[in-house]
Amino acid sequence: MNTTSRTVNDRGAADDGAGPLSKQAMAAVVARDIPRGSVVNLGIGQPTLVADHLPADSGVVLHTENGMLHMGPAAKEGEVDPDLTNAGKVPVTELPGAAYFHHADSFAMMRGGHLDICVMGAFQVSAGGDLANWHTGAPDAIPAVGGAMDLAIGAKKVFVMMTLFTKTGAPKLVPECTYPLTGLRCVDRVYTDRAVFDVTPRGLRVTQTFGTTLDELAGRLDLPLLAPEA
């Protein structure tokens, strides 16, 4: 089935060129799908870019595990305050109403089910929604769990933002994860540079493609895919 849909450019506008999407364009797609007024945590790495694409009137409250509410977009030159960073130590800005607190309180918010959505990167996501994003298992790899496990089980919805394939072309969306797990059946939606996938009880449903087709995706992924709903 041919289901190629339009892409978005780095500013979130329609772009009919061939994919895959850039990191900024992926972030724009994620930002578009976050409901107004949501309380959201953005994981280290690519997910932090989502902050730069949220409309000023979205009402979205960004939470950081190092103890901040109402985080704003990344700081530009001349705006950097060394005391204002996200959990990845990237300089950020604050929005009106920003609040600061101990990281233990921040983790209590995460574990207590107070976050509507978290957006995290991943090494692998399984067809059943299992998440592996803290360790590749390689002997020389440095584990980096941070607050990932707390977010995976504490947020009401878990969005993953990642490239669909590794640098060597191996799929990151797999039948079963082979890396150490962060959480079981916790992922709701996967945003990639080539398509968006919803994790459903019936399997992975492709909801949008970028410069590719459902048939092309099925040919490269070792798992069944459901077509977009009419």
Protein backbone atom coordinates (compact mmCIF):
# COMPACT_ATOMS: atom_id res chain seq x y z
CA MET A 1 0.00 0.00 0.00
CA ASN A 2 1.33 3.45 -0.91
CA THR A 3 0.86 5.82 2.05
CA THR A 4 3.50 8.51 1.56
CA SER A 5 2.35 11.68 3.31
CA ARG A 6 3.80 15.17 3.26
CA THR A 7 6.71 15.99 5.49
CA VAL A 8 7.38 19.05 7.64
CA ASN A 9 10.39 21.32 7.40
CA ASP A 10 12.59 22.61 10.22
CA ARG A 11 9.99 25.27 11.02
CA GLY A 12 7.15 22.78 11.16
CA ALA A 13 5.63 23.84 7.84
CA ALA A 14 4.59 21.50 5.05
CA ASP A 15 7.41 20.32 2.82
CA ASP A 16 6.81 18.07 -0.15
CA GLY A 17 10.48 17.12 -0.57
CA ALA A 18 11.73 13.61 0.09
CA GLY A 19 12.47 12.53 3.64
CA PRO A 20 13.88 11.50 6.01
CA LEU A 21 13.18 14.36 8.41
CA SER A 22 15.88 16.38 10.12
CA LYS A 23 16.06 16.37 13.91
CA GLN A 24 14.43 19.80 14.03
CA ALA A 25 11.60 18.69 11.75
CA MET A 26 11.03 15.60 13.91
CA ALA A 27 10.84 17.88 16.96
CA ALA A 28 8.25 20.03 15.18
CA VAL A 29 6.08 16.97 14.52
CA VAL A 30 6.23 15.95 18.19
CA ALA A 31 5.43 19.50 19.35
CA ARG A 32 2.42 19.60 17.03
CA ASP A 33 0.95 16.51 18.72
CA ILE A 34 1.30 17.66 22.34
CA PRO A 35 -2.15 18.77 23.60
CA ARG A 36 -2.53 22.30 24.92
CA GLY A 37 -1.91 22.66 28.64
CA SER A 38 -0.02 19.37 29.02
CA VAL A 39 2.70 18.89 31.63
CA VAL A 40 5.65 17.41 29.74
CA ASN A 41 9.17 16.15 30.41
CA LEU A 42 11.68 16.21 27.55
CA GLY A 43 14.46 13.65 27.77
CA ILE A 44 18.14 14.28 27.14
CA GLY A 45 19.27 14.55 23.52
CA GLN A 46 16.95 14.99 20.56
CA PRO A 47 13.74 15.40 22.64
CA THR A 48 15.02 18.69 24.11
CA LEU A 49 14.56 20.24 20.65
CA VAL A 50 10.77 19.96 21.08
CA ALA A 51 10.88 22.97 23.42
CA ASP A 52 11.92 25.19 20.50
CA HIS A 53 8.79 24.29 18.50
CA LEU A 54 6.02 24.72 21.07
CA PRO A 55 3.79 27.74 20.27
CA ALA A 56 4.05 30.55 22.82
CA ASP A 57 0.33 30.19 23.58
CA SER A 58 0.35 26.37 23.90
CA GLY A 59 0.04 26.42 27.69
CA VAL A 60 2.41 23.42 27.81
CA VAL A 61 4.36 23.26 31.07
CA LEU A 62 7.82 21.74 30.66
CA HIS A 63 9.23 19.85 33.64
CA THR A 64 12.90 18.95 34.13
CA GLU A 65 14.16 16.18 36.39
CA ASN A 66 16.83 18.51 37.78
CA GLY A 67 14.11 20.65 39.34
CA MET A 68 12.35 23.20 37.13
CA LEU A 69 8.83 23.88 35.91
CA HIS A 70 7.96 26.19 33.00
CA MET A 71 11.24 25.66 31.19
CA GLY A 72 11.42 27.65 27.97
CA PRO A 73 13.27 27.11 24.69
CA ALA A 74 17.04 26.66 24.53
CA ALA A 75 19.00 29.81 25.38
CA LYS A 76 20.40 31.75 22.44
CA GLU A 77 23.63 33.71 22.42
CA GLY A 78 23.35 36.48 24.96
CA GLU A 79 20.59 34.70 26.92
CA VAL A 80 22.73 32.07 28.67
CA ASP A 81 22.38 31.92 32.46
CA PRO A 82 24.77 29.29 33.91
CA ASP A 83 22.22 28.53 36.63
CA LEU A 84 19.49 27.65 34.10
CA THR A 85 20.09 24.28 32.45
CA ASN A 86 18.00 21.25 31.62
CA ALA A 87 18.83 17.72 32.79
CA GLY A 88 21.28 17.41 29.89
CA LYS A 89 23.18 20.52 31.08
CA VAL A 90 22.03 22.49 28.04
CA PRO A 91 21.41 26.21 28.78
CA VAL A 92 17.69 26.99 28.68
CA THR A 93 15.37 29.90 29.31
CA GLU A 94 12.56 30.30 31.82
CA LEU A 95 8.96 31.25 31.13
CA PRO A 96 6.71 33.40 33.33
CA GLY A 97 5.70 31.43 36.43
CA ALA A 98 8.84 29.28 36.43
CA ALA A 99 9.50 27.43 39.67
CA TYR A 100 12.55 25.63 41.07
CA PHE A 101 12.77 22.77 43.56
CA HIS A 102 14.96 19.93 44.79
CA HIS A 103 15.52 17.12 42.31
CA ALA A 104 13.99 14.68 44.84
CA ASP A 105 10.72 16.62 44.53
CA SER A 106 11.08 16.51 40.76
CA PHE A 107 11.39 12.72 40.84
CA ALA A 108 8.35 12.54 43.13
CA MET A 109 6.38 14.39 40.45
CA MET A 110 7.59 11.87 37.85
CA ARG A 111 6.82 8.81 39.96
CA GLY A 112 3.51 10.18 41.20
CA GLY A 113 1.79 10.25 37.80
CA HIS A 114 1.77 14.04 37.52
CA LEU A 115 3.28 14.20 34.01
CA ASP A 116 0.94 13.96 31.05
CA ILE A 117 3.67 13.10 28.55
CA CYS A 118 7.36 12.37 28.50
CA VAL A 119 9.40 12.40 25.29
CA MET A 120 12.52 10.22 25.34
CA GLY A 121 15.14 8.92 22.97
CA ALA A 122 15.77 5.21 22.54
CA PHE A 123 18.26 2.61 21.34
CA GLN A 124 15.38 0.20 20.66
CA VAL A 125 11.59 0.00 20.95
CA SER A 126 9.80 -3.33 20.58
CA ALA A 127 6.57 -3.95 18.68
CA GLY A 128 4.87 -4.37 22.05
CA GLY A 129 6.06 -1.00 23.37
CA ASP A 130 9.05 -2.14 25.43
CA LEU A 131 11.70 0.56 25.79
CA ALA A 132 15.50 0.22 25.85
CA ASN A 133 17.29 3.54 26.16
CA TRP A 134 19.87 3.46 28.92
CA HIS A 135 22.52 0.89 27.93
CA THR A 136 23.53 -1.00 24.78
CA GLY A 137 25.07 -3.81 26.79
CA ALA A 138 28.42 -3.29 25.10
CA PRO A 139 31.40 -3.85 27.46
CA ASP A 140 32.79 -0.35 26.84
CA ALA A 141 29.42 1.46 26.93
CA ILE A 142 28.68 3.86 29.78
CA PRO A 143 25.21 3.27 31.28
CA ALA A 144 23.10 6.43 31.47
CA VAL A 145 19.78 5.60 33.07
CA GLY A 146 19.15 9.01 34.69
CA GLY A 147 15.41 9.35 35.29
CA ALA A 148 14.37 7.23 32.31
CA MET A 149 12.89 4.38 34.33
CA ASP A 150 10.92 6.78 36.52
CA LEU A 151 9.58 8.59 33.46
CA ALA A 152 8.73 5.37 31.62
CA ILE A 153 6.48 4.13 34.42
CA GLY A 154 5.32 7.47 35.82
CA ALA A 155 4.20 9.50 32.81
CA LYS A 156 0.64 9.02 31.56
CA LYS A 157 1.95 8.74 27.98
CA VAL A 158 5.42 7.92 26.69
CA PHE A 159 6.54 9.27 23.31
CA VAL A 160 9.83 8.13 21.81
CA MET A 161 11.76 10.31 19.37
CA MET A 162 14.57 8.59 17.45
CA THR A 163 15.98 7.81 14.02
CA LEU A 164 14.37 4.66 12.66
CA PHE A 165 17.70 3.08 11.73
CA THR A 166 21.20 3.05 13.22
CA LYS A 167 24.20 4.40 11.34
CA THR A 168 24.79 0.87 10.04
CA GLY A 169 21.18 0.55 8.82
CA ALA A 170 19.88 -1.74 11.58
CA PRO A 171 16.26 -1.06 12.66
CA LYS A 172 15.69 0.45 16.08
CA LEU A 173 12.05 -0.66 15.94
CA VAL A 174 12.29 -4.39 16.57
CA PRO A 175 10.13 -7.46 17.36
CA GLU A 176 11.86 -7.80 20.76
CA CYS A 177 14.48 -5.59 22.38
CA THR A 178 17.95 -7.09 22.66
CA TYR A 179 19.32 -4.28 24.82
CA PRO A 180 18.68 -4.00 28.58
CA LEU A 181 15.13 -2.76 29.14
CA THR A 182 14.13 0.56 30.65
CA GLY A 183 10.43 -0.30 30.88
CA LEU A 184 7.95 -2.95 29.75
CA ARG A 185 5.05 -2.05 27.42
CA CYS A 186 5.33 1.61 28.33
CA VAL A 187 5.68 3.32 24.91
CA ASP A 188 2.54 4.80 23.34
CA ARG A 189 3.95 6.40 20.19
CA VAL A 190 7.23 6.40 18.28
CA TYR A 191 8.33 9.42 16.23
CA THR A 192 11.10 8.76 13.72
CA ASP A 193 12.69 10.50 10.78
CA ARG A 194 10.77 8.24 8.38
CA ALA A 195 7.40 7.62 10.01
CA VAL A 196 5.25 7.94 13.12
CA PHE A 197 4.04 4.70 14.74
CA ASP A 198 1.31 4.15 17.33
CA VAL A 199 1.71 1.14 19.62
CA THR A 200 -1.68 -0.63 19.69
CA PRO A 201 -2.93 -3.97 21.07
CA ARG A 202 -3.03 -5.21 17.47
CA GLY A 203 0.51 -4.10 16.66
CA LEU A 204 2.33 -1.08 15.31
CA ARG A 205 0.16 1.27 13.28
CA VAL A 206 1.83 3.69 10.86
CA THR A 207 0.06 7.04 11.18
CA GLN A 208 2.31 9.23 9.02
CA THR A 209 5.25 8.68 6.68
CA PHE A 210 8.01 11.02 5.53
CA GLY A 211 9.48 10.46 2.09
CA THR A 212 8.74 6.74 2.16
CA THR A 213 5.81 4.32 1.89
CA LEU A 214 4.28 1.64 4.07
CA ASP A 215 5.54 -1.02 1.66
CA GLU A 216 9.09 0.34 1.82
CA LEU A 217 8.98 0.41 5.62
CA ALA A 218 7.65 -3.15 5.77
CA GLY A 219 10.51 -4.24 3.55
CA ARG A 220 13.12 -2.90 5.96
CA LEU A 221 11.50 -3.72 9.30
CA ASP A 222 11.26 -7.30 10.52
CA LEU A 223 7.75 -6.93 11.92
CA PRO A 224 4.16 -6.51 10.68
CA LEU A 225 2.80 -2.99 10.27
CA LEU A 226 -0.80 -1.77 10.32
CA ALA A 227 -1.90 0.78 7.76
CA PRO A 228 -3.20 4.21 8.84
CA GLU A 229 -6.88 4.23 9.80
CA ALA A 230 -9.18 5.74 7.20
